Amino acid sequence: MGTRSALNWITLWASLLFVVILGFSRLSYGMFLPGIQREIGGSYGQLGILGTVNFIGYLVGTVCLSPLISRFPNRKPVINRITCLLLGLTLIGSAFSGHFTGLGLWRFAIGLLSAFATVLVLSIAMDAVRPEERGAASGLIWMGGSAGILVTGLFAPFTIDPSHLQGWRYAWVAMGVFGVIAASGFEFATRKRGTEKITIENESKPSGKESADAYRLLLSPNKLLFLIASYFFFGWGYIIYFTYLIPYLVGKGIPSLYAGLIWSGIGFAGLFNGWIGGKAIDRWPSGYTLASGLTLGTIGVSGVITDNTLFTVLGAAIIGLVSFITPPLMTTALLRRHVPHHTYAACLSIATAFFASGQIIGPFVGGIVVEQYGLQFGVASSSIFMAIAAALAGLYGQQQRKLRKSDLPISG
């Protein structure tokens, strides 16, 4: 069956899955931290370590996925349906955590499953979209993550207000149930449209050579290294911001309703960012496009430095509008455009591993900074790593320009 436009039932269900994969399973933790701390205990530094544990699971998942796909080339849809179903169930399970260690184990499992689901859902959905519209399709899918943030923020009065100690538990159960429903819908859409057949055909030539080719492309300074390094530092920077922003706002005495609305504002702005960013990378498939969003994001994060609520809110809106969803969707689209089709799954998996590595380091380093210098400086420190990511993306754009002038294809 042929490819189709960016807006179709497969990408719509994939976007709903990303509500769970990104907004619920990973970033809701930062929103729920104050409530979790009141019931389970521990300092913000210690609870930040659970964020690191989550992304260790995410890294393990990305590392394991490529050889798993190579070992079972015709089973990618099967692996995806099992993964997405288990992700919803583990969210439900984590709601029943009674102590620090148990929650850590659930966070590890959620990280591992969300890594599988991120790569598989994107790969399956992109196979069903016309090449010239894959940036827009990627934007639509990543918009689900923004929607997840928006919804999570609306839970704030019931999850971080001291009068609702169990609120974060009920929210995670509801999120898990939604995840099971979204997984079922994506499965129905892909079966109905014949995507399973497409995927099998596209993945029918696996070999160790694919991974070797992927590493050569991604780690070569003359090809994609600057893009991947930018993705790494973005993961490092943004996760600090999303882990400690709500604790910082609560610590300033901002009511839970307003803190939740700020969080939802990031998600609402991200809804526009996903679609606009996808269109932009289709029209200007360059590292400069990515660098622009990251630069504005650096400015947005820096709003925390002022210790002014208005500037913090404006900065959060900028983050949501131009640099929350933009880097992942643009990196995904650039890889899809500039690597051979047979190595795309391997390249995306490896790139995601670099992203995960940054997210592992971020909460750990952020927790140390918070313990030493306080929440304000801890949140603001994410701007350093966002700025590095922007500079590296700019270098990748410069490299693309040189390669075009010398007529050397980036996929070499």
Protein backbone atom coordinates (compact mmCIF):
# COMPACT_ATOMS: atom_id res chain seq x y z
CA MET A 1 0.00 0.00 0.00
CA GLY A 2 1.37 3.45 -0.90
CA THR A 3 2.30 6.30 1.36
CA ARG A 4 -0.15 9.04 2.29
CA SER A 5 -0.34 12.61 3.60
CA ALA A 6 0.99 13.75 6.99
CA LEU A 7 -2.52 13.95 8.45
CA ASN A 8 -3.97 10.43 8.60
CA TRP A 9 -5.34 8.03 11.19
CA ILE A 10 -1.95 6.45 11.81
CA THR A 11 -0.23 9.74 12.66
CA LEU A 12 -3.21 10.86 14.75
CA TRP A 13 -3.09 7.71 16.88
CA ALA A 14 0.71 7.98 17.01
CA SER A 15 0.28 11.53 18.36
CA LEU A 16 -2.08 10.22 21.06
CA LEU A 17 0.51 7.60 21.94
CA PHE A 18 3.11 10.36 22.32
CA VAL A 19 0.81 11.97 24.89
CA VAL A 20 1.67 8.90 26.96
CA ILE A 21 5.23 8.19 25.74
CA LEU A 22 6.50 11.71 26.46
CA GLY A 23 3.98 13.82 28.36
CA PHE A 24 2.67 11.20 30.79
CA SER A 25 5.38 8.58 31.23
CA ARG A 26 8.42 10.85 31.36
CA LEU A 27 7.63 14.51 32.04
CA SER A 28 4.70 14.11 34.43
CA TYR A 29 7.25 13.10 37.07
CA GLY A 30 8.52 16.68 37.34
CA MET A 31 4.97 17.94 37.90
CA PHE A 32 4.26 15.32 40.55
CA LEU A 33 7.52 15.79 42.50
CA PRO A 34 6.09 17.99 45.28
CA GLY A 35 3.26 15.52 45.94
CA ILE A 36 5.60 12.51 45.76
CA GLN A 37 8.02 14.17 48.19
CA ARG A 38 5.27 14.83 50.74
CA GLU A 39 4.14 11.19 50.73
CA ILE A 40 7.31 9.18 50.06
CA GLY A 41 9.89 11.62 51.40
CA GLY A 42 13.42 12.42 50.29
CA SER A 43 15.10 15.63 49.15
CA TYR A 44 14.68 17.05 45.67
CA GLY A 45 18.23 15.93 44.94
CA GLN A 46 17.37 12.33 45.89
CA LEU A 47 14.11 12.38 43.95
CA GLY A 48 16.01 13.81 41.00
CA ILE A 49 18.04 10.60 41.01
CA LEU A 50 14.83 8.74 40.15
CA GLY A 51 14.68 10.92 37.08
CA THR A 52 18.17 9.67 36.24
CA VAL A 53 17.00 6.07 36.84
CA ASN A 54 14.15 6.64 34.40
CA PHE A 55 16.54 7.75 31.69
CA ILE A 56 18.98 4.95 32.43
CA GLY A 57 16.07 2.68 31.53
CA TYR A 58 15.52 4.83 28.45
CA LEU A 59 19.18 4.42 27.44
CA VAL A 60 19.08 0.65 27.99
CA GLY A 61 15.98 0.49 25.80
CA THR A 62 17.56 2.42 22.94
CA VAL A 63 20.72 0.31 23.06
CA CYS A 64 18.78 -2.96 23.07
CA LEU A 65 16.24 -2.05 20.42
CA SER A 66 18.50 -2.06 17.34
CA PRO A 67 19.84 -5.62 17.84
CA LEU A 68 16.34 -6.77 18.79
CA ILE A 69 14.94 -5.47 15.50
CA SER A 70 17.86 -7.06 13.63
CA ARG A 71 17.19 -10.38 15.36
CA PHE A 72 13.44 -10.27 14.63
CA PRO A 73 13.14 -8.22 11.41
CA ASN A 74 9.51 -9.12 10.76
CA ARG A 75 8.34 -8.51 14.32
CA LYS A 76 8.60 -4.74 14.67
CA PRO A 77 4.80 -4.22 14.80
CA VAL A 78 4.48 -7.05 17.34
CA ILE A 79 7.23 -5.60 19.54
CA ASN A 80 5.59 -2.19 19.32
CA ARG A 81 2.11 -3.36 20.32
CA ILE A 82 3.48 -5.28 23.33
CA THR A 83 5.66 -2.32 24.35
CA CYS A 84 2.89 0.28 24.17
CA LEU A 85 0.47 -1.92 26.10
CA LEU A 86 3.05 -2.60 28.84
CA LEU A 87 3.88 1.12 29.04
CA GLY A 88 0.28 1.91 29.98
CA LEU A 89 0.24 -0.91 32.53
CA THR A 90 3.53 0.19 34.15
CA LEU A 91 2.16 3.71 34.59
CA ILE A 92 -0.75 2.18 36.47
CA GLY A 93 1.65 0.04 38.51
CA SER A 94 3.84 3.00 39.47
CA ALA A 95 0.82 4.66 41.07
CA PHE A 96 0.92 2.00 43.80
CA SER A 97 4.55 2.70 44.81
CA GLY A 98 4.94 2.87 48.57
CA HIS A 99 8.63 3.66 48.90
CA PHE A 100 11.63 5.15 47.13
CA THR A 101 13.08 1.88 45.80
CA GLY A 102 9.79 0.59 44.38
CA LEU A 103 9.14 3.85 42.56
CA GLY A 104 12.67 3.71 41.18
CA LEU A 105 12.07 0.26 39.69
CA TRP A 106 8.84 1.42 38.07
CA ARG A 107 10.58 4.52 36.68
CA PHE A 108 13.31 2.32 35.18
CA ALA A 109 10.74 0.08 33.48
CA ILE A 110 8.81 3.09 32.18
CA GLY A 111 12.02 4.56 30.75
CA LEU A 112 12.92 1.33 28.98
CA LEU A 113 9.46 0.87 27.46
CA SER A 114 9.14 4.51 26.41
CA ALA A 115 12.47 4.24 24.54
CA PHE A 116 11.18 1.25 22.57
CA ALA A 117 7.88 2.99 21.90
CA THR A 118 9.46 6.30 20.79
CA VAL A 119 11.54 4.72 18.04
CA LEU A 120 9.01 2.10 16.95
CA VAL A 121 5.96 4.36 16.78
CA LEU A 122 7.88 7.04 14.85
CA SER A 123 9.41 4.50 12.48
CA ILE A 124 6.11 2.73 11.74
CA ALA A 125 4.21 5.98 11.31
CA MET A 126 6.87 7.59 9.08
CA ASP A 127 6.84 4.56 6.75
CA ALA A 128 3.20 5.38 5.96
CA VAL A 129 3.80 9.06 5.04
CA ARG A 130 5.02 10.61 1.80
CA PRO A 131 8.71 11.65 2.08
CA GLU A 132 8.04 15.33 1.40
CA GLU A 133 5.57 15.48 4.31
CA ARG A 134 7.51 13.56 6.94
CA GLY A 135 8.61 16.71 8.76
CA ALA A 136 5.00 17.82 9.16
CA ALA A 137 3.99 14.28 10.20
CA SER A 138 6.79 14.19 12.76
CA GLY A 139 5.60 17.55 14.08
CA LEU A 140 2.04 16.26 14.42
CA ILE A 141 3.23 13.19 16.32
CA TRP A 142 5.52 15.12 18.68
CA MET A 143 2.65 17.53 19.37
CA GLY A 144 1.20 14.69 21.42
CA GLY A 145 3.99 15.22 23.93
CA SER A 146 2.94 18.86 24.29
CA ALA A 147 -0.68 17.81 24.75
CA GLY A 148 0.47 15.45 27.51
CA ILE A 149 2.21 18.34 29.29
CA LEU A 150 -0.91 20.49 28.93
CA VAL A 151 -3.15 17.83 30.46
CA THR A 152 -0.66 17.08 33.24
CA GLY A 153 -0.66 20.73 34.25
CA LEU A 154 -4.45 20.69 34.58
CA PHE A 155 -4.04 17.93 37.17
CA ALA A 156 -1.96 20.27 39.37
CA PRO A 157 -4.60 21.19 41.99
CA PHE A 158 -5.09 17.45 42.61
CA THR A 159 -1.47 16.32 42.40
CA ILE A 160 0.68 18.95 44.13
CA ASP A 161 -1.77 20.61 46.52
CA PRO A 162 -1.11 19.43 50.12
CA SER A 163 -4.81 18.68 50.61
CA HIS A 164 -4.64 15.87 48.02
CA LEU A 165 -1.89 13.50 49.15
CA GLN A 166 -3.02 10.67 46.87
CA GLY A 167 -3.68 12.86 43.85
CA TRP A 168 -0.53 11.93 41.92
CA ARG A 169 -1.47 8.25 42.26
CA TYR A 170 -4.94 8.71 40.78
CA ALA A 171 -3.47 10.79 37.95
CA TRP A 172 -0.95 8.09 37.01
CA VAL A 173 -3.70 5.45 36.97
CA ALA A 174 -5.79 7.61 34.62
CA MET A 175 -2.74 8.19 32.42
CA GLY A 176 -2.04 4.47 32.24
CA VAL A 177 -5.61 3.67 31.22
CA PHE A 178 -5.38 6.30 28.48
CA GLY A 179 -2.13 4.67 27.34
CA VAL A 180 -3.79 1.29 26.91
CA ILE A 181 -6.58 2.90 24.87
CA ALA A 182 -4.08 4.78 22.66
CA ALA A 183 -2.05 1.62 22.08
CA SER A 184 -5.19 -0.21 20.98
CA GLY A 185 -6.16 2.62 18.62
CA PHE A 186 -2.71 2.71 16.98
CA GLU A 187 -2.80 -1.05 16.52
CA PHE A 188 -6.23 -0.85 14.88
CA ALA A 189 -5.14 1.98 12.54
CA THR A 190 -1.96 0.25 11.39
CA ARG A 191 -3.71 -3.05 10.78
CA LYS A 192 -6.54 -1.36 8.90
CA ARG A 193 -4.17 0.59 6.64
CA GLY A 194 -1.84 -2.29 5.93
CA THR A 195 1.15 -0.66 7.61
CA GLU A 196 2.22 -3.97 9.05
CA LYS A 197 2.88 -5.24 5.55
CA ILE A 198 4.82 -2.09 4.66
CA THR A 199 6.93 -2.37 7.77
CA ILE A 200 7.84 -5.98 7.11
CA GLU A 201 8.93 -5.18 3.60
CA ASN A 202 11.00 -2.21 4.72
CA GLU A 203 12.72 -4.14 7.48
CA SER A 204 13.42 -7.32 5.57
CA LYS A 205 17.14 -6.77 5.09
CA PRO A 206 18.64 -6.43 8.56
CA SER A 207 22.30 -7.02 9.18
CA GLY A 208 25.13 -5.97 11.44
CA LYS A 209 26.29 -3.79 8.56
CA GLU A 210 23.32 -1.44 9.17
CA SER A 211 24.52 -0.62 12.69
CA ALA A 212 28.09 -0.19 11.46
CA ASP A 213 26.92 2.16 8.70
CA ALA A 214 24.81 4.07 11.21
CA TYR A 215 27.74 4.60 13.58
CA ARG A 216 29.95 5.76 10.70
CA LEU A 217 27.35 8.32 9.68
CA LEU A 218 26.51 9.57 13.15
CA LEU A 219 30.01 9.74 14.61
CA SER A 220 31.80 11.20 11.60
CA PRO A 221 32.74 14.87 12.10
CA ASN A 222 32.19 15.32 8.35
CA LYS A 223 28.63 14.00 8.43
CA LEU A 224 26.25 13.98 11.43
CA LEU A 225 28.36 14.25 14.58
CA PHE A 226 27.48 17.89 15.31
CA LEU A 227 23.76 17.13 14.94
CA ILE A 228 23.95 14.20 17.35
CA ALA A 229 26.07 16.17 19.83
CA SER A 230 23.46 18.94 19.75
CA TYR A 231 20.76 16.37 20.51
CA PHE A 232 22.82 15.10 23.46
CA PHE A 233 23.22 18.55 25.05
CA PHE A 234 19.59 19.42 24.41
CA GLY A 235 18.58 16.28 26.35
CA TRP A 236 20.91 17.35 29.17
CA GLY A 237 19.54 20.89 29.33
CA TYR A 238 15.81 20.53 28.82
CA ILE A 239 15.36 17.73 31.36
CA ILE A 240 16.87 19.86 34.13
CA TYR A 241 14.31 22.54 33.36
CA PHE A 242 11.37 20.15 33.28
CA THR A 243 12.44 18.27 36.41
CA TYR A 244 12.90 21.24 38.70
CA LEU A 245 10.66 24.03 37.32
CA ILE A 246 7.55 23.04 39.32
CA PRO A 247 9.45 22.52 42.61
CA TYR A 248 10.97 25.97 42.05
CA LEU A 249 7.56 27.57 41.49
CA VAL A 250 6.05 25.79 44.51
CA GLY A 251 9.05 26.87 46.59
CA LYS A 252 8.36 30.48 45.62
CA GLY A 253 4.90 30.12 47.13
CA ILE A 254 3.00 30.14 43.84
CA PRO A 255 -0.39 28.39 44.34
CA SER A 256 -0.65 24.92 42.81
CA LEU A 257 -3.35 26.03 40.35
CA TYR A 258 -1.11 28.76 38.90
CA ALA A 259 1.94 26.49 38.83
CA GLY A 260 -0.13 23.94 36.91
CA LEU A 261 -1.31 26.59 34.47
CA ILE A 262 2.29 27.61 33.77
CA TRP A 263 3.09 23.96 33.09
CA SER A 264 0.02 23.65 30.87
CA GLY A 265 1.07 26.84 29.10
CA ILE A 266 4.29 25.12 28.02
CA GLY A 267 2.24 22.27 26.59
CA PHE A 268 -0.26 24.60 24.90
CA ALA A 269 2.52 26.58 23.23
CA GLY A 270 4.12 23.29 22.20
CA LEU A 271 0.99 22.34 20.28
CA PHE A 272 1.80 25.14 17.83
CA ASN A 273 5.52 24.40 17.97
CA GLY A 274 5.02 20.82 16.78
CA TRP A 275 3.15 21.73 13.62
CA ILE A 276 5.10 24.92 12.80
CA GLY A 277 8.42 23.25 13.52
CA GLY A 278 7.56 20.32 11.27
CA LYS A 279 6.60 22.64 8.43
CA ALA A 280 9.76 24.69 8.96
CA ILE A 281 12.11 21.70 8.79
CA ASP A 282 10.37 20.48 5.62
CA ARG A 283 10.95 23.87 4.00
CA TRP A 284 14.40 24.62 5.48
CA PRO A 285 16.00 21.23 6.32
CA SER A 286 19.04 22.77 7.96
CA GLY A 287 20.91 22.79 11.25
CA TYR A 288 20.37 26.57 11.25
CA THR A 289 16.62 26.01 11.62
CA LEU A 290 17.25 23.79 14.63
CA ALA A 291 19.78 26.25 16.10
CA SER A 292 17.24 29.09 15.93
CA GLY A 293 14.76 27.25 18.15
CA LEU A 294 17.45 26.22 20.62
CA THR A 295 18.77 29.78 20.88
CA LEU A 296 15.32 31.14 21.68
CA GLY A 297 14.90 28.31 24.18
CA THR A 298 18.11 29.35 25.92
CA ILE A 299 16.68 32.86 26.28
CA GLY A 300 13.44 31.41 27.63
CA VAL A 301 15.17 29.33 30.30
CA SER A 302 17.18 32.37 31.34
CA GLY A 303 13.95 34.06 32.46
CA VAL A 304 14.31 32.16 35.74
CA ILE A 305 17.48 34.10 36.55
CA THR A 306 15.47 37.31 37.02
CA ASP A 307 13.53 35.79 39.94
CA ASN A 308 10.51 37.54 38.44
CA THR A 309 7.37 35.46 37.98
CA LEU A 310 6.30 37.31 34.83
CA PHE A 311 9.64 36.71 33.09
CA THR A 312 9.61 33.09 34.26
CA VAL A 313 6.16 32.61 32.72
CA LEU A 314 7.17 34.31 29.46
CA GLY A 315 10.30 32.16 29.35
CA ALA A 316 8.22 29.01 29.85
CA ALA A 317 5.97 30.04 26.96
CA ILE A 318 9.02 30.54 24.72
CA ILE A 319 10.33 27.11 25.69
CA GLY A 320 7.01 25.54 24.76
CA LEU A 321 6.65 27.51 21.54
CA VAL A 322 10.06 27.05 19.95
CA SER A 323 12.33 24.60 21.73
CA PHE A 324 10.51 21.82 23.57
CA ILE A 325 9.23 19.72 20.68
CA THR A 326 11.38 21.31 17.96
CA PRO A 327 14.74 19.57 18.59
CA PRO A 328 13.43 15.97 18.68
CA LEU A 329 11.13 16.38 15.70
CA MET A 330 13.72 18.27 13.65
CA THR A 331 16.46 15.77 14.47
CA THR A 332 14.09 12.96 13.50
CA ALA A 333 13.22 14.68 10.22
CA LEU A 334 16.85 15.54 9.38
CA LEU A 335 17.92 11.95 9.97
CA ARG A 336 15.07 10.68 7.83
CA ARG A 337 16.14 13.02 5.04
CA HIS A 338 19.89 12.52 5.19
CA VAL A 339 20.51 8.85 5.97
CA PRO A 340 19.84 5.85 3.70
CA HIS A 341 16.46 4.22 4.31
CA HIS A 342 17.93 0.87 5.34
CA THR A 343 19.93 2.47 8.18
CA TYR A 344 17.24 4.87 9.43
CA ALA A 345 15.92 2.69 12.27
CA ALA A 346 19.46 2.03 13.50
CA CYS A 347 20.41 5.73 13.19
CA LEU A 348 17.29 6.85 15.05
CA SER A 349 17.93 4.31 17.80
CA ILE A 350 21.56 5.43 18.25
CA ALA A 351 20.61 9.12 18.13
CA THR A 352 17.96 8.47 20.76
CA ALA A 353 20.64 6.78 22.91
CA PHE A 354 22.72 9.96 22.80
CA PHE A 355 19.62 11.98 23.72
CA ALA A 356 18.93 9.57 26.59
CA SER A 357 22.52 9.86 27.82
CA GLY A 358 22.08 13.62 28.12
CA GLN A 359 18.84 13.08 30.04
CA ILE A 360 20.62 10.69 32.41
CA ILE A 361 23.29 13.25 33.23
CA GLY A 362 20.84 16.17 33.48
CA PRO A 363 18.78 15.25 36.58
CA PHE A 364 21.92 14.05 38.40
CA VAL A 365 23.89 17.22 37.70
CA GLY A 366 20.79 19.36 38.25
CA GLY A 367 20.20 17.68 41.61
CA ILE A 368 23.75 18.47 42.72
CA VAL A 369 23.35 22.10 41.67
CA VAL A 370 19.99 22.35 43.45
CA GLU A 371 21.43 20.92 46.66
CA GLN A 372 24.40 23.30 46.56
CA TYR A 373 22.89 26.51 45.20
CA GLY A 374 19.11 26.19 45.39
CA LEU A 375 16.27 25.56 42.96
CA GLN A 376 16.51 28.85 41.09
CA PHE A 377 20.13 28.38 40.05
CA GLY A 378 19.48 24.70 39.39
CA VAL A 379 16.71 25.47 36.90
CA ALA A 380 18.69 28.30 35.30
CA SER A 381 21.72 26.02 34.78
CA SER A 382 19.83 24.28 31.98
CA SER A 383 20.40 27.37 29.81
CA ILE A 384 24.14 26.56 29.67
CA PHE A 385 23.53 23.22 28.00
CA MET A 386 20.79 24.57 25.74
CA ALA A 387 23.27 27.19 24.51
CA ILE A 388 25.86 24.50 23.76
CA ALA A 389 23.21 22.55 21.84
CA ALA A 390 22.34 25.65 19.80
CA ALA A 391 25.99 26.27 18.93
CA LEU A 392 26.48 22.67 17.80
CA ALA A 393 23.33 22.79 15.67
CA GLY A 394 24.68 25.95 14.05
CA LEU A 395 27.95 24.15 13.29
CA TYR A 396 25.96 21.34 11.67
CA GLY A 397 24.14 23.90 9.52
CA GLN A 398 27.47 25.41 8.47
CA GLN A 399 28.73 21.93 7.60
CA GLN A 400 25.63 21.25 5.47
CA ARG A 401 26.29 24.45 3.52
CA LYS A 402 29.91 23.45 2.83
CA LEU A 403 28.85 19.99 1.69
CA ARG A 404 26.26 21.42 -0.70
CA LYS A 405 28.86 23.74 -2.19
CA SER A 406 31.25 20.85 -2.77
CA ASP A 407 28.43 18.58 -4.04
CA LEU A 408 29.10 15.96 -1.37
CA PRO A 409 25.88 14.30 -0.11
CA ILE A 410 25.54 14.26 3.67
CA SER A 411 24.59 10.59 3.61
CA GLY A 412 27.90 9.84 1.92
